[in-house]
Amino acid sequence: MQQKPALQLADVKQIAAAAEAEALKNGWAVSIAIVDDGGHLLWLQRLDGVAPISAHIAPAKAQTAALGRRESRIYEELINQGRLSFLSAPTLHGMLEGGVPILVDGFCLGAVGVSGVKSTEDAQVARAGIAALTTA
């Protein structure tokens, strides 16, 4: 049986702290969600001043990235290019940029989803969180 790494609570806290630091450094009010490889919510943080809907969008982006094992923006791009059938994909509700998978040694450990600012900025915050894990 193959064994794979898994996120621990300390990892999740490290990712969340780095993502929050990136958002605060840029003055961005966002929600940050971290999920495991099955898309189950491990962390949700809503910074002051962000729209309440972001607390729903961030976990959806994270879940989409974890289950698809790719950035959620890929689905958004496919849909924008006319692949409208992806709108009916089961359990994928966050098909917007801002969900980034956590990939370590060829395994997807989960994902980070961010919502609250421009989608490219959401992804920047998510990547900053993941970078803290992979560089530690």
Protein backbone atom coordinates (compact mmCIF):
# COMPACT_ATOMS: atom_id res chain seq x y z
CA MET A 1 0.00 0.00 0.00
CA GLN A 2 1.31 3.42 -0.94
CA GLN A 3 1.72 5.96 1.82
CA LYS A 4 1.37 9.70 1.36
CA PRO A 5 1.98 12.80 3.45
CA ALA A 6 -0.96 14.54 5.09
CA LEU A 7 -1.55 18.00 6.47
CA GLN A 8 -1.24 18.34 10.22
CA LEU A 9 -2.79 21.13 12.29
CA ALA A 10 0.61 22.82 12.63
CA ASP A 11 0.90 22.86 8.81
CA VAL A 12 -2.55 24.36 8.45
CA LYS A 13 -1.74 27.09 10.98
CA GLN A 14 1.53 27.85 9.17
CA ILE A 15 -0.24 28.17 5.81
CA ALA A 16 -2.99 30.32 7.31
CA ALA A 17 -0.54 32.66 9.05
CA ALA A 18 1.48 33.20 5.87
CA ALA A 19 -1.65 33.78 3.79
CA GLU A 20 -2.97 36.25 6.35
CA ALA A 21 0.38 38.07 6.42
CA GLU A 22 0.33 38.40 2.60
CA ALA A 23 -3.21 39.77 2.67
CA LEU A 24 -2.47 42.25 5.46
CA LYS A 25 0.79 43.36 3.82
CA ASN A 26 -1.25 44.37 0.77
CA GLY A 27 -4.21 45.78 2.69
CA TRP A 28 -6.56 43.13 1.34
CA ALA A 29 -9.63 41.99 3.27
CA VAL A 30 -10.13 38.32 2.38
CA SER A 31 -11.44 35.02 3.61
CA ILE A 32 -8.93 32.16 3.69
CA ALA A 33 -10.00 28.52 3.57
CA ILE A 34 -7.82 25.43 3.80
CA VAL A 35 -9.12 21.96 2.96
CA ASP A 36 -7.66 18.45 2.98
CA ASP A 37 -7.25 16.31 -0.13
CA GLY A 38 -10.90 15.29 0.02
CA GLY A 39 -12.07 18.90 0.10
CA HIS A 40 -13.02 18.82 3.79
CA LEU A 41 -12.68 22.17 5.55
CA LEU A 42 -9.78 22.35 8.00
CA TRP A 43 -9.55 26.13 8.41
CA LEU A 44 -11.69 29.17 7.68
CA GLN A 45 -10.61 32.69 8.51
CA ARG A 46 -12.48 35.85 7.58
CA LEU A 47 -10.46 39.05 7.91
CA ASP A 48 -12.12 42.24 9.07
CA GLY A 49 -13.97 44.16 6.38
CA VAL A 50 -14.44 41.37 3.85
CA ALA A 51 -17.87 40.71 2.38
CA PRO A 52 -19.67 37.85 4.16
CA ILE A 53 -20.17 35.94 0.88
CA SER A 54 -16.41 35.40 0.73
CA ALA A 55 -16.76 32.92 3.61
CA HIS A 56 -18.71 30.71 1.20
CA ILE A 57 -16.63 31.35 -1.91
CA ALA A 58 -13.18 30.68 -0.39
CA PRO A 59 -14.00 27.13 0.78
CA ALA A 60 -15.64 26.37 -2.58
CA LYS A 61 -12.49 27.47 -4.43
CA ALA A 62 -10.33 25.38 -2.10
CA GLN A 63 -12.53 22.31 -2.51
CA THR A 64 -12.48 22.65 -6.29
CA ALA A 65 -8.67 22.90 -6.32
CA ALA A 66 -8.24 19.92 -3.98
CA LEU A 67 -10.68 17.61 -5.76
CA GLY A 68 -9.43 18.59 -9.21
CA ARG A 69 -5.77 18.55 -8.16
CA ARG A 70 -5.31 21.79 -10.13
CA GLU A 71 -5.88 25.49 -9.66
CA SER A 72 -9.51 26.48 -9.74
CA ARG A 73 -8.71 29.08 -12.41
CA ILE A 74 -8.27 26.23 -14.90
CA TYR A 75 -12.00 25.55 -14.74
CA GLU A 76 -12.82 29.23 -15.06
CA GLU A 77 -10.61 29.44 -18.15
CA LEU A 78 -12.23 26.36 -19.71
CA ILE A 79 -15.71 27.77 -19.12
CA ASN A 80 -14.69 31.18 -20.53
CA GLN A 81 -13.35 29.39 -23.63
CA GLY A 82 -16.78 27.85 -24.22
CA ARG A 83 -16.59 24.55 -22.31
CA LEU A 84 -19.88 25.30 -20.57
CA SER A 85 -20.36 21.63 -19.70
CA PHE A 86 -18.01 22.19 -16.74
CA LEU A 87 -20.80 24.20 -15.11
CA SER A 88 -22.53 20.86 -14.47
CA ALA A 89 -19.48 19.16 -12.91
CA PRO A 90 -20.58 17.52 -9.65
CA THR A 91 -19.32 19.01 -6.36
CA LEU A 92 -17.27 21.72 -8.09
CA HIS A 93 -18.81 25.01 -7.01
CA GLY A 94 -15.79 27.29 -6.83
CA MET A 95 -14.68 27.42 -10.42
CA LEU A 96 -13.11 30.85 -10.08
CA GLU A 97 -9.45 31.82 -9.73
CA GLY A 98 -8.23 31.78 -6.14
CA GLY A 99 -8.11 28.07 -5.29
CA VAL A 100 -4.60 26.57 -5.31
CA PRO A 101 -3.75 22.92 -4.57
CA ILE A 102 -1.09 22.05 -2.01
CA LEU A 103 1.26 19.73 -3.92
CA VAL A 104 4.15 18.03 -2.11
CA ASP A 105 6.31 15.25 -3.57
CA GLY A 106 3.73 14.53 -6.26
CA PHE A 107 0.83 14.30 -3.80
CA CYS A 108 -2.07 16.70 -3.40
CA LEU A 109 -2.45 17.29 0.35
CA GLY A 110 -5.34 19.70 0.04
CA ALA A 111 -5.80 23.27 -1.14
CA VAL A 112 -6.08 26.89 -0.13
CA GLY A 113 -8.95 29.03 -1.34
CA VAL A 114 -9.10 32.80 -0.96
CA SER A 115 -11.87 35.25 -1.76
CA GLY A 116 -12.36 38.97 -1.27
CA VAL A 117 -10.21 40.86 -3.77
CA LYS A 118 -9.35 40.48 -7.47
CA SER A 119 -9.06 36.83 -8.40
CA THR A 120 -5.36 37.16 -9.23
CA GLU A 121 -4.80 38.69 -5.80
CA ASP A 122 -6.82 35.89 -4.16
CA ALA A 123 -4.47 33.39 -5.83
CA GLN A 124 -1.44 35.41 -4.72
CA VAL A 125 -2.55 35.12 -1.09
CA ALA A 126 -3.17 31.38 -1.46
CA ARG A 127 0.24 30.81 -3.04
CA ALA A 128 1.97 32.78 -0.28
CA GLY A 129 0.39 30.51 2.29
CA ILE A 130 1.44 27.37 0.47
CA ALA A 131 4.98 28.70 -0.06
CA ALA A 132 5.41 28.99 3.70
CA LEU A 133 4.73 25.26 4.04
CA THR A 134 6.94 24.13 1.21
CA THR A 135 9.88 26.33 2.20
CA ALA A 136 9.84 25.46 5.89
